[in-house]
Amino acid sequence: MSLYENLVMKHDYLKIKDVYALPSGYEGFYSDGYILIDKSIPNYRKAEVLFEELAHHKYTWGNILDQKDFNNRKFENYARRAAYQNALPLRLIVEAYHYGISNLYELAQYVQLSEKYILNAIEYYKKKYGLSTYHNGYVIKFEPLQVFEHHNWE
């Protein structure tokens, strides 16, 4: 089963529909417990859009379609950052390392997301943590993406 299908099943308390063609410029839309996803985009992109719309469900409110408004842009960016953290958590990067994933293409296949989305998530992590971070006994370097086991040689 694909990542997208698993996400839909996991969030069955929401009404998630992907049978409509959305207006130009929109791949997803959230309002009052309903999530619409454009039917013409591929499943990996549907998963990426769904992560963001789930973040809108959890963290934002009201009509934020007018992106000229500062607060609306702020809410949009907040949801996007939360989506990156949910779609590609640090533990998943470490898990991929254990499976021998060694490049961006393999990582994209493993997590069922696009390479572009993964690069955006890594850029977000670099802004948040800098060039590396420590996570559960591992050092994760973001440029280039590498994972190392951390040992205390005391």
C-alpha atoms as a PDB file:
ATOM      1  CA  MET A   1       0.000   0.000   0.000  1.00  0.00           C
ATOM      2  CA  SER A   2       1.304   3.463  -0.852  1.00  0.00           C
ATOM      3  CA  LEU A   3       2.168   6.185   1.630  1.00  0.00           C
ATOM      4  CA  TYR A   4      -0.776   8.225   0.369  1.00  0.00           C
ATOM      5  CA  GLU A   5      -3.255   5.384   0.899  1.00  0.00           C
ATOM      6  CA  ASN A   6      -1.881   4.767   4.398  1.00  0.00           C
ATOM      7  CA  LEU A   7      -2.267   8.458   5.265  1.00  0.00           C
ATOM      8  CA  VAL A   8      -5.876   8.468   4.063  1.00  0.00           C
ATOM      9  CA  MET A   9      -6.673   5.385   6.145  1.00  0.00           C
ATOM     10  CA  LYS A  10      -4.877   6.748   9.219  1.00  0.00           C
ATOM     11  CA  HIS A  11      -6.908   9.958   9.050  1.00  0.00           C
ATOM     12  CA  ASP A  12     -10.291   8.407   8.295  1.00  0.00           C
ATOM     13  CA  TYR A  13     -11.950  10.816  10.755  1.00  0.00           C
ATOM     14  CA  LEU A  14     -11.466  13.500   8.063  1.00  0.00           C
ATOM     15  CA  LYS A  15     -13.254  13.529   4.742  1.00  0.00           C
ATOM     16  CA  ILE A  16     -10.402  13.251   2.228  1.00  0.00           C
ATOM     17  CA  LYS A  17     -11.420  13.321  -1.437  1.00  0.00           C
ATOM     18  CA  ASP A  18      -9.221  13.097  -4.509  1.00  0.00           C
ATOM     19  CA  VAL A  19     -11.853  12.816  -7.234  1.00  0.00           C
ATOM     20  CA  TYR A  20     -12.095  16.481  -8.217  1.00  0.00           C
ATOM     21  CA  ALA A  21     -10.064  18.712 -10.496  1.00  0.00           C
ATOM     22  CA  LEU A  22      -9.146  21.736  -8.396  1.00  0.00           C
ATOM     23  CA  PRO A  23      -8.834  25.232  -9.846  1.00  0.00           C
ATOM     24  CA  SER A  24      -5.528  26.102 -11.456  1.00  0.00           C
ATOM     25  CA  GLY A  25      -2.800  26.755  -8.934  1.00  0.00           C
ATOM     26  CA  TYR A  26      -4.300  24.550  -6.196  1.00  0.00           C
ATOM     27  CA  GLU A  27      -3.257  20.980  -5.523  1.00  0.00           C
ATOM     28  CA  GLY A  28      -4.973  20.717  -2.156  1.00  0.00           C
ATOM     29  CA  PHE A  29      -7.523  22.481  -0.005  1.00  0.00           C
ATOM     30  CA  TYR A  30      -8.615  22.140   3.629  1.00  0.00           C
ATOM     31  CA  SER A  31     -11.783  23.473   5.211  1.00  0.00           C
ATOM     32  CA  ASP A  32     -13.726  22.322   8.286  1.00  0.00           C
ATOM     33  CA  GLY A  33     -12.689  18.663   8.297  1.00  0.00           C
ATOM     34  CA  TYR A  34     -12.712  18.262   4.510  1.00  0.00           C
ATOM     35  CA  ILE A  35      -9.553  17.850   2.472  1.00  0.00           C
ATOM     36  CA  LEU A  36      -9.667  18.026  -1.293  1.00  0.00           C
ATOM     37  CA  ILE A  37      -6.699  16.875  -3.354  1.00  0.00           C
ATOM     38  CA  ASP A  38      -6.434  17.381  -7.098  1.00  0.00           C
ATOM     39  CA  LYS A  39      -7.172  14.119  -8.881  1.00  0.00           C
ATOM     40  CA  SER A  40      -4.634  14.676 -11.661  1.00  0.00           C
ATOM     41  CA  ILE A  41      -1.447  14.667  -9.576  1.00  0.00           C
ATOM     42  CA  PRO A  42       0.565  11.455  -8.966  1.00  0.00           C
ATOM     43  CA  ASN A  43       0.240   9.542  -5.685  1.00  0.00           C
ATOM     44  CA  TYR A  44       3.611  10.634  -4.295  1.00  0.00           C
ATOM     45  CA  ARG A  45       2.565  14.276  -4.815  1.00  0.00           C
ATOM     46  CA  LYS A  46      -0.861  13.559  -3.288  1.00  0.00           C
ATOM     47  CA  ALA A  47       0.958  12.336  -0.162  1.00  0.00           C
ATOM     48  CA  GLU A  48       3.058  15.519  -0.036  1.00  0.00           C
ATOM     49  CA  VAL A  49      -0.037  17.704  -0.421  1.00  0.00           C
ATOM     50  CA  LEU A  50      -1.936  15.648   2.152  1.00  0.00           C
ATOM     51  CA  PHE A  51       0.842  16.118   4.734  1.00  0.00           C
ATOM     52  CA  GLU A  52       0.472  19.878   4.317  1.00  0.00           C
ATOM     53  CA  GLU A  53      -3.331  19.849   4.417  1.00  0.00           C
ATOM     54  CA  LEU A  54      -3.225  17.706   7.581  1.00  0.00           C
ATOM     55  CA  ALA A  55      -0.949  20.344   9.102  1.00  0.00           C
ATOM     56  CA  HIS A  56      -3.504  23.016   8.146  1.00  0.00           C
ATOM     57  CA  HIS A  57      -6.167  20.932   9.900  1.00  0.00           C
ATOM     58  CA  LYS A  58      -4.070  20.745  13.049  1.00  0.00           C
ATOM     59  CA  TYR A  59      -2.422  24.167  13.211  1.00  0.00           C
ATOM     60  CA  THR A  60      -4.251  26.825  11.182  1.00  0.00           C
ATOM     61  CA  TRP A  61      -7.731  28.269  11.080  1.00  0.00           C
ATOM     62  CA  GLY A  62      -9.813  30.572   8.963  1.00  0.00           C
ATOM     63  CA  ASN A  63      -9.449  31.557   5.340  1.00  0.00           C
ATOM     64  CA  ILE A  64      -5.757  31.978   4.518  1.00  0.00           C
ATOM     65  CA  LEU A  65      -6.090  31.958   0.721  1.00  0.00           C
ATOM     66  CA  ASP A  66      -5.023  35.607   0.370  1.00  0.00           C
ATOM     67  CA  GLN A  67      -1.246  35.214   0.546  1.00  0.00           C
ATOM     68  CA  LYS A  68      -0.715  38.988   0.390  1.00  0.00           C
ATOM     69  CA  ASP A  69      -1.676  39.098   4.073  1.00  0.00           C
ATOM     70  CA  PHE A  70       1.317  38.565   6.388  1.00  0.00           C
ATOM     71  CA  ASN A  71      -0.520  36.330   8.866  1.00  0.00           C
ATOM     72  CA  ASN A  72      -1.838  34.115   6.063  1.00  0.00           C
ATOM     73  CA  ARG A  73       1.695  33.628   4.731  1.00  0.00           C
ATOM     74  CA  LYS A  74       2.845  32.887   8.263  1.00  0.00           C
ATOM     75  CA  PHE A  75       0.163  30.184   8.684  1.00  0.00           C
ATOM     76  CA  GLU A  76       0.997  28.715   5.269  1.00  0.00           C
ATOM     77  CA  ASN A  77       4.704  28.484   6.116  1.00  0.00           C
ATOM     78  CA  TYR A  78       3.948  27.037   9.536  1.00  0.00           C
ATOM     79  CA  ALA A  79       1.848  24.275   7.955  1.00  0.00           C
ATOM     80  CA  ARG A  80       4.518  23.601   5.334  1.00  0.00           C
ATOM     81  CA  ARG A  81       7.234  23.244   7.994  1.00  0.00           C
ATOM     82  CA  ALA A  82       5.041  20.900  10.040  1.00  0.00           C
ATOM     83  CA  ALA A  83       4.402  18.866   6.880  1.00  0.00           C
ATOM     84  CA  TYR A  84       8.149  18.502   6.269  1.00  0.00           C
ATOM     85  CA  GLN A  85       8.679  17.274   9.823  1.00  0.00           C
ATOM     86  CA  ASN A  86       5.827  14.752   9.529  1.00  0.00           C
ATOM     87  CA  ALA A  87       6.704  13.555   6.029  1.00  0.00           C
ATOM     88  CA  LEU A  88      10.441  13.162   6.646  1.00  0.00           C
ATOM     89  CA  PRO A  89      11.089  12.934  10.386  1.00  0.00           C
ATOM     90  CA  LEU A  90      14.688  12.596  11.531  1.00  0.00           C
ATOM     91  CA  ARG A  91      14.018   9.027  12.686  1.00  0.00           C
ATOM     92  CA  LEU A  92      13.098   8.096   9.109  1.00  0.00           C
ATOM     93  CA  ILE A  93      16.412   9.455   7.823  1.00  0.00           C
ATOM     94  CA  VAL A  94      18.215   7.266  10.390  1.00  0.00           C
ATOM     95  CA  GLU A  95      16.030   4.274   9.440  1.00  0.00           C
ATOM     96  CA  ALA A  96      16.923   4.752   5.771  1.00  0.00           C
ATOM     97  CA  TYR A  97      20.610   4.800   6.753  1.00  0.00           C
ATOM     98  CA  HIS A  98      20.154   1.386   8.408  1.00  0.00           C
ATOM     99  CA  TYR A  99      18.646   0.041   5.188  1.00  0.00           C
ATOM    100  CA  GLY A 100      21.692   1.152   3.223  1.00  0.00           C
ATOM    101  CA  ILE A 101      20.063   4.100   1.453  1.00  0.00           C
ATOM    102  CA  SER A 102      22.956   6.063  -0.001  1.00  0.00           C
ATOM    103  CA  ASN A 103      21.562   8.734  -2.328  1.00  0.00           C
ATOM    104  CA  LEU A 104      18.643  11.080  -2.845  1.00  0.00           C
ATOM    105  CA  TYR A 105      16.918   8.904  -5.445  1.00  0.00           C
ATOM    106  CA  GLU A 106      16.954   5.856  -3.157  1.00  0.00           C
ATOM    107  CA  LEU A 107      15.714   7.934  -0.229  1.00  0.00           C
ATOM    108  CA  ALA A 108      12.855   9.287  -2.347  1.00  0.00           C
ATOM    109  CA  GLN A 109      11.865   5.753  -3.348  1.00  0.00           C
ATOM    110  CA  TYR A 110      12.128   4.530   0.248  1.00  0.00           C
ATOM    111  CA  VAL A 111       9.928   7.247   1.762  1.00  0.00           C
ATOM    112  CA  GLN A 112       7.638   7.533  -1.314  1.00  0.00           C
ATOM    113  CA  LEU A 113       8.163  11.273  -1.754  1.00  0.00           C
ATOM    114  CA  SER A 114       9.674  13.267  -4.599  1.00  0.00           C
ATOM    115  CA  GLU A 115      13.347  14.202  -4.619  1.00  0.00           C
ATOM    116  CA  LYS A 116      12.348  17.878  -4.786  1.00  0.00           C
ATOM    117  CA  TYR A 117      10.187  17.548  -1.667  1.00  0.00           C
ATOM    118  CA  ILE A 118      13.007  15.799   0.202  1.00  0.00           C
ATOM    119  CA  LEU A 119      15.419  18.572  -0.789  1.00  0.00           C
ATOM    120  CA  ASN A 120      12.925  21.142   0.509  1.00  0.00           C
ATOM    121  CA  ALA A 121      12.614  19.221   3.781  1.00  0.00           C
ATOM    122  CA  ILE A 122      16.402  19.071   4.120  1.00  0.00           C
ATOM    123  CA  GLU A 123      16.609  22.834   3.475  1.00  0.00           C
ATOM    124  CA  TYR A 124      14.062  23.327   6.261  1.00  0.00           C
ATOM    125  CA  TYR A 125      16.145  21.147   8.614  1.00  0.00           C
ATOM    126  CA  LYS A 126      19.282  23.123   7.731  1.00  0.00           C
ATOM    127  CA  LYS A 127      17.488  26.349   8.667  1.00  0.00           C
ATOM    128  CA  LYS A 128      16.263  24.802  11.900  1.00  0.00           C
ATOM    129  CA  TYR A 129      19.401  22.951  13.049  1.00  0.00           C
ATOM    130  CA  GLY A 130      22.291  24.221  10.949  1.00  0.00           C
ATOM    131  CA  LEU A 131      24.454  21.811   8.955  1.00  0.00           C
ATOM    132  CA  SER A 132      23.970  18.894  11.366  1.00  0.00           C
ATOM    133  CA  THR A 133      22.035  17.688  14.383  1.00  0.00           C
ATOM    134  CA  TYR A 134      22.149  14.922  16.964  1.00  0.00           C
ATOM    135  CA  HIS A 135      19.184  12.534  17.068  1.00  0.00           C
ATOM    136  CA  ASN A 136      18.871   9.413  19.271  1.00  0.00           C
ATOM    137  CA  GLY A 137      22.520   8.406  19.142  1.00  0.00           C
ATOM    138  CA  TYR A 138      23.149   9.544  15.559  1.00  0.00           C
ATOM    139  CA  VAL A 139      24.621  12.634  13.974  1.00  0.00           C
ATOM    140  CA  ILE A 140      22.730  13.665  10.856  1.00  0.00           C
ATOM    141  CA  LYS A 141      24.622  15.927   8.459  1.00  0.00           C
ATOM    142  CA  PHE A 142      22.398  17.760   6.010  1.00  0.00           C
ATOM    143  CA  GLU A 143      24.994  18.857   3.460  1.00  0.00           C
ATOM    144  CA  PRO A 144      25.718  16.364   2.059  1.00  0.00           C
ATOM    145  CA  LEU A 145      23.064  14.169   3.676  1.00  0.00           C
ATOM    146  CA  GLN A 146      24.912  11.650   5.846  1.00  0.00           C
ATOM    147  CA  VAL A 147      24.191   9.722   9.039  1.00  0.00           C
ATOM    148  CA  PHE A 148      26.823   8.666  11.570  1.00  0.00           C
ATOM    149  CA  GLU A 149      26.517   6.694  14.776  1.00  0.00           C
ATOM    150  CA  HIS A 150      27.668   8.810  17.693  1.00  0.00           C
ATOM    151  CA  HIS A 151      29.989   7.128  20.213  1.00  0.00           C
ATOM    152  CA  ASN A 152      31.200   8.521  23.503  1.00  0.00           C
ATOM    153  CA  TRP A 153      34.816   7.392  23.933  1.00  0.00           C
ATOM    154  CA  GLU A 154      35.048   8.076  27.641  1.00  0.00           C
END
